[in-house]
Amino acid sequence: MRILAKAQSRYSPLVLVLLGLAIASTIGAHALRHAAVSAVHASRDLVYQFRLQVEPAVVTGGFVVSRNRHTIAGAAMGCTAGAALGAGAAAVFGIASGGFALPAVPPAAALGCAAGSAIGIAVGYPLDNWVLD
């Protein structure tokens, strides 16, 4: 018991814990502020590097789309029309057969999309300006 009686300090353990937390919070606030500033700078650099790498691809893609706009539009509209026509025809046949041919709707839509987009490309390709030059 004498060892415990001599080892006790004059300060309460609660005061020591609170003092330690106050020091840690001050150091932690400074570290957090420094980390936030570093993160802002890093994100700004990351956005700048991302922009440097992506911008040429966006410009090139815009150039390709601009030169082939009728071909792309013809393919999209042809696919939509062909899929609707194929799926509609298969659905009508499926209803007429009492549901026997209803599983043929997705393949008919896919084939209609392929055929319609091929026709749309064939119609849209000659309309692009660079083909006429």
N, C-alpha and C. Protein backbone atom coordinates (compact mmCIF):
# COMPACT_ATOMS: atom_id res chain seq x y z
N MET A 1 0.81 -1.18 0.00
CA MET A 1 0.00 0.00 0.00
C MET A 1 0.85 1.26 0.00
N ARG A 2 2.03 1.17 0.60
CA ARG A 2 2.88 2.36 0.64
C ARG A 2 3.32 2.78 -0.75
N ILE A 3 3.50 1.78 -1.64
CA ILE A 3 3.92 2.11 -3.01
C ILE A 3 2.82 2.89 -3.71
N LEU A 4 1.60 2.47 -3.54
CA LEU A 4 0.48 3.17 -4.16
C LEU A 4 0.32 4.57 -3.57
N ALA A 5 0.53 4.70 -2.30
CA ALA A 5 0.38 6.00 -1.65
C ALA A 5 1.47 6.95 -2.12
N LYS A 6 2.68 6.48 -2.34
CA LYS A 6 3.76 7.35 -2.79
C LYS A 6 3.65 7.66 -4.28
N ALA A 7 3.06 6.76 -5.09
CA ALA A 7 3.01 6.93 -6.54
C ALA A 7 1.93 7.91 -6.97
N GLN A 8 1.03 8.25 -6.13
CA GLN A 8 -0.03 9.17 -6.53
C GLN A 8 0.54 10.56 -6.76
N SER A 9 0.04 11.20 -7.83
CA SER A 9 0.49 12.56 -8.13
C SER A 9 -0.48 13.55 -7.51
N ARG A 10 -0.12 14.81 -7.62
CA ARG A 10 -0.96 15.85 -7.03
C ARG A 10 -2.16 16.16 -7.92
N TYR A 11 -2.10 15.78 -9.20
CA TYR A 11 -3.17 16.11 -10.14
C TYR A 11 -4.11 14.93 -10.33
N SER A 12 -5.33 15.26 -10.53
CA SER A 12 -6.34 14.23 -10.76
C SER A 12 -6.13 13.62 -12.15
N PRO A 13 -6.38 12.35 -12.31
CA PRO A 13 -6.26 11.73 -13.63
C PRO A 13 -7.19 12.37 -14.66
N LEU A 14 -8.32 12.86 -14.24
CA LEU A 14 -9.26 13.52 -15.15
C LEU A 14 -8.65 14.80 -15.71
N VAL A 15 -7.95 15.56 -14.87
CA VAL A 15 -7.30 16.79 -15.33
C VAL A 15 -6.21 16.46 -16.34
N LEU A 16 -5.46 15.39 -16.08
CA LEU A 16 -4.41 15.00 -17.02
C LEU A 16 -5.01 14.56 -18.36
N VAL A 17 -6.09 13.82 -18.31
CA VAL A 17 -6.75 13.38 -19.56
C VAL A 17 -7.29 14.57 -20.34
N LEU A 18 -7.94 15.51 -19.66
CA LEU A 18 -8.47 16.69 -20.33
C LEU A 18 -7.36 17.56 -20.91
N LEU A 19 -6.27 17.70 -20.20
CA LEU A 19 -5.13 18.46 -20.71
C LEU A 19 -4.54 17.78 -21.95
N GLY A 20 -4.43 16.47 -21.91
CA GLY A 20 -3.94 15.72 -23.07
C GLY A 20 -4.87 15.86 -24.26
N LEU A 21 -6.18 15.81 -24.02
CA LEU A 21 -7.14 15.97 -25.11
C LEU A 21 -7.10 17.38 -25.70
N ALA A 22 -6.89 18.37 -24.87
CA ALA A 22 -6.81 19.75 -25.37
C ALA A 22 -5.60 19.93 -26.27
N ILE A 23 -4.48 19.36 -25.85
CA ILE A 23 -3.27 19.45 -26.68
C ILE A 23 -3.46 18.67 -27.98
N ALA A 24 -4.05 17.49 -27.90
CA ALA A 24 -4.27 16.67 -29.09
C ALA A 24 -5.25 17.34 -30.05
N SER A 25 -6.29 18.00 -29.51
CA SER A 25 -7.25 18.66 -30.40
C SER A 25 -6.62 19.84 -31.11
N THR A 26 -5.73 20.55 -30.44
CA THR A 26 -5.05 21.68 -31.10
C THR A 26 -4.14 21.16 -32.22
N ILE A 27 -3.38 20.14 -31.92
CA ILE A 27 -2.51 19.56 -32.94
C ILE A 27 -3.35 18.94 -34.05
N GLY A 28 -4.44 18.28 -33.67
CA GLY A 28 -5.32 17.64 -34.66
C GLY A 28 -6.00 18.66 -35.56
N ALA A 29 -6.41 19.79 -35.00
CA ALA A 29 -7.05 20.83 -35.82
C ALA A 29 -6.07 21.38 -36.84
N HIS A 30 -4.84 21.59 -36.41
CA HIS A 30 -3.81 22.08 -37.35
C HIS A 30 -3.55 21.04 -38.44
N ALA A 31 -3.45 19.78 -38.03
CA ALA A 31 -3.21 18.72 -39.02
C ALA A 31 -4.39 18.58 -39.97
N LEU A 32 -5.61 18.70 -39.44
CA LEU A 32 -6.80 18.61 -40.28
C LEU A 32 -6.86 19.77 -41.27
N ARG A 33 -6.53 20.97 -40.81
CA ARG A 33 -6.52 22.13 -41.69
C ARG A 33 -5.47 21.96 -42.78
N HIS A 34 -4.31 21.48 -42.41
CA HIS A 34 -3.24 21.25 -43.38
C HIS A 34 -3.65 20.17 -44.39
N ALA A 35 -4.30 19.11 -43.93
CA ALA A 35 -4.75 18.04 -44.82
C ALA A 35 -5.83 18.54 -45.78
N ALA A 36 -6.73 19.41 -45.28
CA ALA A 36 -7.78 19.94 -46.15
C ALA A 36 -7.20 20.83 -47.25
N VAL A 37 -6.23 21.66 -46.88
CA VAL A 37 -5.59 22.52 -47.89
C VAL A 37 -4.85 21.66 -48.90
N SER A 38 -4.17 20.64 -48.44
CA SER A 38 -3.45 19.74 -49.36
C SER A 38 -4.42 19.00 -50.28
N ALA A 39 -5.56 18.61 -49.75
CA ALA A 39 -6.55 17.91 -50.57
C ALA A 39 -7.12 18.83 -51.65
N VAL A 40 -7.35 20.09 -51.29
CA VAL A 40 -7.85 21.05 -52.28
C VAL A 40 -6.84 21.24 -53.40
N HIS A 41 -5.58 21.40 -53.04
CA HIS A 41 -4.54 21.57 -54.06
C HIS A 41 -4.41 20.31 -54.91
N ALA A 42 -4.47 19.15 -54.29
CA ALA A 42 -4.35 17.89 -55.04
C ALA A 42 -5.53 17.70 -55.98
N SER A 43 -6.74 18.04 -55.52
CA SER A 43 -7.90 17.88 -56.40
C SER A 43 -7.84 18.86 -57.56
N ARG A 44 -7.34 20.06 -57.31
CA ARG A 44 -7.21 21.03 -58.41
C ARG A 44 -6.20 20.53 -59.44
N ASP A 45 -5.09 19.97 -58.97
CA ASP A 45 -4.10 19.42 -59.89
C ASP A 45 -4.65 18.20 -60.63
N LEU A 46 -5.42 17.37 -59.92
CA LEU A 46 -6.01 16.19 -60.55
C LEU A 46 -7.00 16.58 -61.64
N VAL A 47 -7.83 17.57 -61.36
CA VAL A 47 -8.79 18.05 -62.37
C VAL A 47 -8.05 18.62 -63.57
N TYR A 48 -6.99 19.35 -63.33
CA TYR A 48 -6.21 19.93 -64.43
C TYR A 48 -5.58 18.82 -65.28
N GLN A 49 -4.99 17.81 -64.64
CA GLN A 49 -4.40 16.70 -65.39
C GLN A 49 -5.46 15.90 -66.15
N PHE A 50 -6.60 15.70 -65.51
CA PHE A 50 -7.71 15.00 -66.16
C PHE A 50 -8.17 15.76 -67.39
N ARG A 51 -8.27 17.06 -67.26
CA ARG A 51 -8.70 17.89 -68.39
C ARG A 51 -7.68 17.84 -69.52
N LEU A 52 -6.40 17.86 -69.18
CA LEU A 52 -5.37 17.79 -70.21
C LEU A 52 -5.42 16.47 -70.97
N GLN A 53 -5.77 15.40 -70.29
CA GLN A 53 -5.79 14.10 -70.95
C GLN A 53 -7.10 13.83 -71.67
N VAL A 54 -8.21 14.36 -71.17
CA VAL A 54 -9.52 14.04 -71.74
C VAL A 54 -9.92 15.00 -72.86
N GLU A 55 -9.48 16.23 -72.79
CA GLU A 55 -9.92 17.23 -73.76
C GLU A 55 -9.60 16.83 -75.21
N PRO A 56 -8.41 16.31 -75.52
CA PRO A 56 -8.18 15.89 -76.91
C PRO A 56 -9.13 14.79 -77.38
N ALA A 57 -9.48 13.87 -76.48
CA ALA A 57 -10.41 12.81 -76.86
C ALA A 57 -11.80 13.36 -77.12
N VAL A 58 -12.23 14.33 -76.32
CA VAL A 58 -13.54 14.93 -76.52
C VAL A 58 -13.58 15.70 -77.84
N VAL A 59 -12.51 16.43 -78.13
CA VAL A 59 -12.46 17.19 -79.39
C VAL A 59 -12.44 16.24 -80.58
N THR A 60 -11.65 15.19 -80.49
CA THR A 60 -11.59 14.22 -81.58
C THR A 60 -12.94 13.52 -81.77
N GLY A 61 -13.57 13.15 -80.67
CA GLY A 61 -14.89 12.53 -80.76
C GLY A 61 -15.93 13.46 -81.35
N GLY A 62 -15.87 14.74 -80.98
CA GLY A 62 -16.79 15.72 -81.55
C GLY A 62 -16.55 15.90 -83.04
N PHE A 63 -15.29 15.85 -83.44
CA PHE A 63 -14.95 15.96 -84.86
C PHE A 63 -15.50 14.77 -85.64
N VAL A 64 -15.34 13.57 -85.08
CA VAL A 64 -15.84 12.37 -85.75
C VAL A 64 -17.36 12.41 -85.85
N VAL A 65 -18.02 12.78 -84.76
CA VAL A 65 -19.48 12.85 -84.78
C VAL A 65 -19.96 13.93 -85.74
N SER A 66 -19.28 15.05 -85.78
CA SER A 66 -19.68 16.13 -86.67
C SER A 66 -19.57 15.71 -88.13
N ARG A 67 -18.54 14.98 -88.45
CA ARG A 67 -18.35 14.56 -89.85
C ARG A 67 -19.28 13.42 -90.24
N ASN A 68 -19.76 12.67 -89.28
CA ASN A 68 -20.60 11.49 -89.58
C ASN A 68 -21.99 11.61 -88.98
N ARG A 69 -22.51 12.80 -88.84
CA ARG A 69 -23.77 12.98 -88.13
C ARG A 69 -24.95 12.33 -88.83
N HIS A 70 -24.99 12.34 -90.16
CA HIS A 70 -26.11 11.73 -90.87
C HIS A 70 -26.05 10.20 -90.79
N THR A 71 -24.86 9.67 -90.82
CA THR A 71 -24.70 8.22 -90.69
C THR A 71 -25.13 7.75 -89.31
N ILE A 72 -24.72 8.49 -88.28
CA ILE A 72 -25.09 8.13 -86.90
C ILE A 72 -26.59 8.27 -86.68
N ALA A 73 -27.15 9.36 -87.17
CA ALA A 73 -28.60 9.57 -87.00
C ALA A 73 -29.39 8.52 -87.78
N GLY A 74 -28.93 8.19 -89.00
CA GLY A 74 -29.61 7.16 -89.78
C GLY A 74 -29.57 5.81 -89.09
N ALA A 75 -28.42 5.48 -88.50
CA ALA A 75 -28.31 4.20 -87.79
C ALA A 75 -29.22 4.18 -86.57
N ALA A 76 -29.28 5.28 -85.83
CA ALA A 76 -30.12 5.32 -84.62
C ALA A 76 -31.60 5.24 -84.98
N MET A 77 -32.02 6.03 -85.95
CA MET A 77 -33.44 6.00 -86.33
C MET A 77 -33.82 4.69 -87.00
N GLY A 78 -32.90 4.14 -87.82
CA GLY A 78 -33.18 2.86 -88.45
C GLY A 78 -33.28 1.73 -87.45
N CYS A 79 -32.42 1.75 -86.44
CA CYS A 79 -32.47 0.72 -85.40
C CYS A 79 -33.79 0.80 -84.64
N THR A 80 -34.19 2.01 -84.30
CA THR A 80 -35.45 2.18 -83.56
C THR A 80 -36.64 1.70 -84.38
N ALA A 81 -36.70 2.13 -85.64
CA ALA A 81 -37.82 1.74 -86.49
C ALA A 81 -37.81 0.24 -86.77
N GLY A 82 -36.64 -0.31 -87.05
CA GLY A 82 -36.55 -1.73 -87.34
C GLY A 82 -36.90 -2.58 -86.14
N ALA A 83 -36.44 -2.18 -84.95
CA ALA A 83 -36.76 -2.94 -83.74
C ALA A 83 -38.25 -2.88 -83.44
N ALA A 84 -38.85 -1.72 -83.63
CA ALA A 84 -40.29 -1.60 -83.40
C ALA A 84 -41.08 -2.45 -84.40
N LEU A 85 -40.67 -2.42 -85.65
CA LEU A 85 -41.35 -3.21 -86.68
C LEU A 85 -41.19 -4.71 -86.43
N GLY A 86 -39.97 -5.15 -86.12
CA GLY A 86 -39.73 -6.57 -85.87
C GLY A 86 -40.43 -7.07 -84.62
N ALA A 87 -40.31 -6.31 -83.54
CA ALA A 87 -40.96 -6.72 -82.29
C ALA A 87 -42.47 -6.67 -82.42
N GLY A 88 -42.97 -5.65 -83.11
CA GLY A 88 -44.43 -5.54 -83.31
C GLY A 88 -44.98 -6.68 -84.13
N ALA A 89 -44.28 -7.04 -85.20
CA ALA A 89 -44.74 -8.15 -86.03
C ALA A 89 -44.71 -9.46 -85.25
N ALA A 90 -43.65 -9.69 -84.49
CA ALA A 90 -43.56 -10.92 -83.70
C ALA A 90 -44.61 -10.94 -82.60
N ALA A 91 -44.89 -9.79 -82.01
CA ALA A 91 -45.91 -9.73 -80.97
C ALA A 91 -47.30 -10.01 -81.54
N VAL A 92 -47.59 -9.46 -82.70
CA VAL A 92 -48.89 -9.73 -83.33
C VAL A 92 -49.02 -11.21 -83.67
N PHE A 93 -47.97 -11.78 -84.23
CA PHE A 93 -47.99 -13.21 -84.54
C PHE A 93 -48.10 -14.03 -83.26
N GLY A 94 -47.43 -13.57 -82.18
CA GLY A 94 -47.51 -14.27 -80.91
C GLY A 94 -48.91 -14.24 -80.32
N ILE A 95 -49.59 -13.12 -80.45
CA ILE A 95 -50.96 -13.01 -79.94
C ILE A 95 -51.90 -13.86 -80.78
N ALA A 96 -51.67 -13.84 -82.11
CA ALA A 96 -52.52 -14.62 -83.00
C ALA A 96 -52.33 -16.11 -82.77
N SER A 97 -51.16 -16.53 -82.36
CA SER A 97 -50.91 -17.96 -82.14
C SER A 97 -51.19 -18.38 -80.70
N GLY A 98 -51.76 -17.49 -79.93
CA GLY A 98 -52.12 -17.83 -78.55
C GLY A 98 -50.93 -17.81 -77.61
N GLY A 99 -49.91 -17.01 -77.92
CA GLY A 99 -48.74 -16.88 -77.06
C GLY A 99 -47.62 -17.83 -77.40
N PHE A 100 -47.82 -18.65 -78.45
CA PHE A 100 -46.81 -19.63 -78.81
C PHE A 100 -45.55 -18.95 -79.36
N ALA A 101 -45.69 -17.84 -80.07
CA ALA A 101 -44.54 -17.18 -80.72
C ALA A 101 -44.05 -15.96 -79.95
N LEU A 102 -44.52 -15.74 -78.73
CA LEU A 102 -44.07 -14.59 -77.96
C LEU A 102 -42.58 -14.62 -77.60
N PRO A 103 -41.96 -15.77 -77.41
CA PRO A 103 -40.51 -15.76 -77.17
C PRO A 103 -39.69 -15.26 -78.36
N ALA A 104 -40.31 -15.13 -79.52
CA ALA A 104 -39.60 -14.65 -80.70
C ALA A 104 -39.51 -13.13 -80.74
N VAL A 105 -40.11 -12.42 -79.80
CA VAL A 105 -40.10 -10.95 -79.82
C VAL A 105 -38.69 -10.38 -79.66
N PRO A 106 -37.88 -10.77 -78.66
CA PRO A 106 -36.53 -10.18 -78.55
C PRO A 106 -35.62 -10.46 -79.74
N PRO A 107 -35.57 -11.69 -80.28
CA PRO A 107 -34.73 -11.87 -81.47
C PRO A 107 -35.24 -11.09 -82.68
N ALA A 108 -36.55 -10.97 -82.80
CA ALA A 108 -37.10 -10.20 -83.92
C ALA A 108 -36.75 -8.72 -83.77
N ALA A 109 -36.77 -8.23 -82.55
CA ALA A 109 -36.37 -6.83 -82.32
C ALA A 109 -34.90 -6.64 -82.64
N ALA A 110 -34.05 -7.59 -82.26
CA ALA A 110 -32.61 -7.47 -82.55
C ALA A 110 -32.35 -7.52 -84.05
N LEU A 111 -33.00 -8.44 -84.75
CA LEU A 111 -32.83 -8.51 -86.21
C LEU A 111 -33.38 -7.26 -86.89
N GLY A 112 -34.50 -6.77 -86.41
CA GLY A 112 -35.06 -5.53 -86.98
C GLY A 112 -34.15 -4.35 -86.74
N CYS A 113 -33.52 -4.29 -85.57
CA CYS A 113 -32.57 -3.21 -85.28
C CYS A 113 -31.37 -3.30 -86.21
N ALA A 114 -30.85 -4.49 -86.41
CA ALA A 114 -29.68 -4.65 -87.29
C ALA A 114 -30.02 -4.27 -88.72
N ALA A 115 -31.16 -4.73 -89.21
CA ALA A 115 -31.55 -4.41 -90.59
C ALA A 115 -31.87 -2.92 -90.74
N GLY A 116 -32.58 -2.37 -89.78
CA GLY A 116 -32.93 -0.95 -89.85
C GLY A 116 -31.71 -0.05 -89.76
N SER A 117 -30.76 -0.40 -88.91
CA SER A 117 -29.56 0.44 -88.82
C SER A 117 -28.72 0.32 -90.08
N ALA A 118 -28.68 -0.84 -90.69
CA ALA A 118 -27.95 -0.98 -91.96
C ALA A 118 -28.59 -0.11 -93.04
N ILE A 119 -29.90 -0.10 -93.10
CA ILE A 119 -30.58 0.75 -94.08
C ILE A 119 -30.37 2.22 -93.75
N GLY A 120 -30.43 2.57 -92.46
CA GLY A 120 -30.20 3.96 -92.05
C GLY A 120 -28.80 4.43 -92.38
N ILE A 121 -27.81 3.57 -92.20
CA ILE A 121 -26.43 3.92 -92.57
C ILE A 121 -26.31 4.09 -94.06
N ALA A 122 -26.95 3.21 -94.82
CA ALA A 122 -26.89 3.32 -96.28
C ALA A 122 -27.53 4.60 -96.78
N VAL A 123 -28.56 5.08 -96.10
CA VAL A 123 -29.21 6.32 -96.51
C VAL A 123 -28.44 7.53 -96.00
N GLY A 124 -27.92 7.48 -94.78
CA GLY A 124 -27.27 8.64 -94.17
C GLY A 124 -25.84 8.87 -94.62
N TYR A 125 -25.13 7.84 -95.01
CA TYR A 125 -23.72 7.98 -95.38
C TYR A 125 -23.49 8.94 -96.54
N PRO A 126 -24.25 8.86 -97.62
CA PRO A 126 -24.00 9.79 -98.73
C PRO A 126 -24.33 11.25 -98.39
N LEU A 127 -25.08 11.48 -97.34
CA LEU A 127 -25.48 12.86 -97.00
C LEU A 127 -24.42 13.62 -96.22
N ASP A 128 -23.43 12.94 -95.70
CA ASP A 128 -22.37 13.62 -94.96
C ASP A 128 -21.52 14.44 -95.91
N ASN A 129 -21.13 15.63 -95.46
CA ASN A 129 -20.41 16.58 -96.32
C ASN A 129 -19.08 16.06 -96.81
N TRP A 130 -18.34 15.38 -95.96
CA TRP A 130 -17.01 14.94 -96.36
C TRP A 130 -17.06 13.87 -97.44
N VAL A 131 -18.19 13.14 -97.55
CA VAL A 131 -18.32 12.15 -98.61
C VAL A 131 -18.51 12.84 -99.95
N LEU A 132 -19.20 13.98 -99.91
CA LEU A 132 -19.49 14.70 -101.15
C LEU A 132 -18.27 15.44 -101.70
N ASP A 133 -17.28 15.73 -100.84
CA ASP A 133 -16.10 16.48 -101.29
C ASP A 133 -15.16 15.67 -102.14
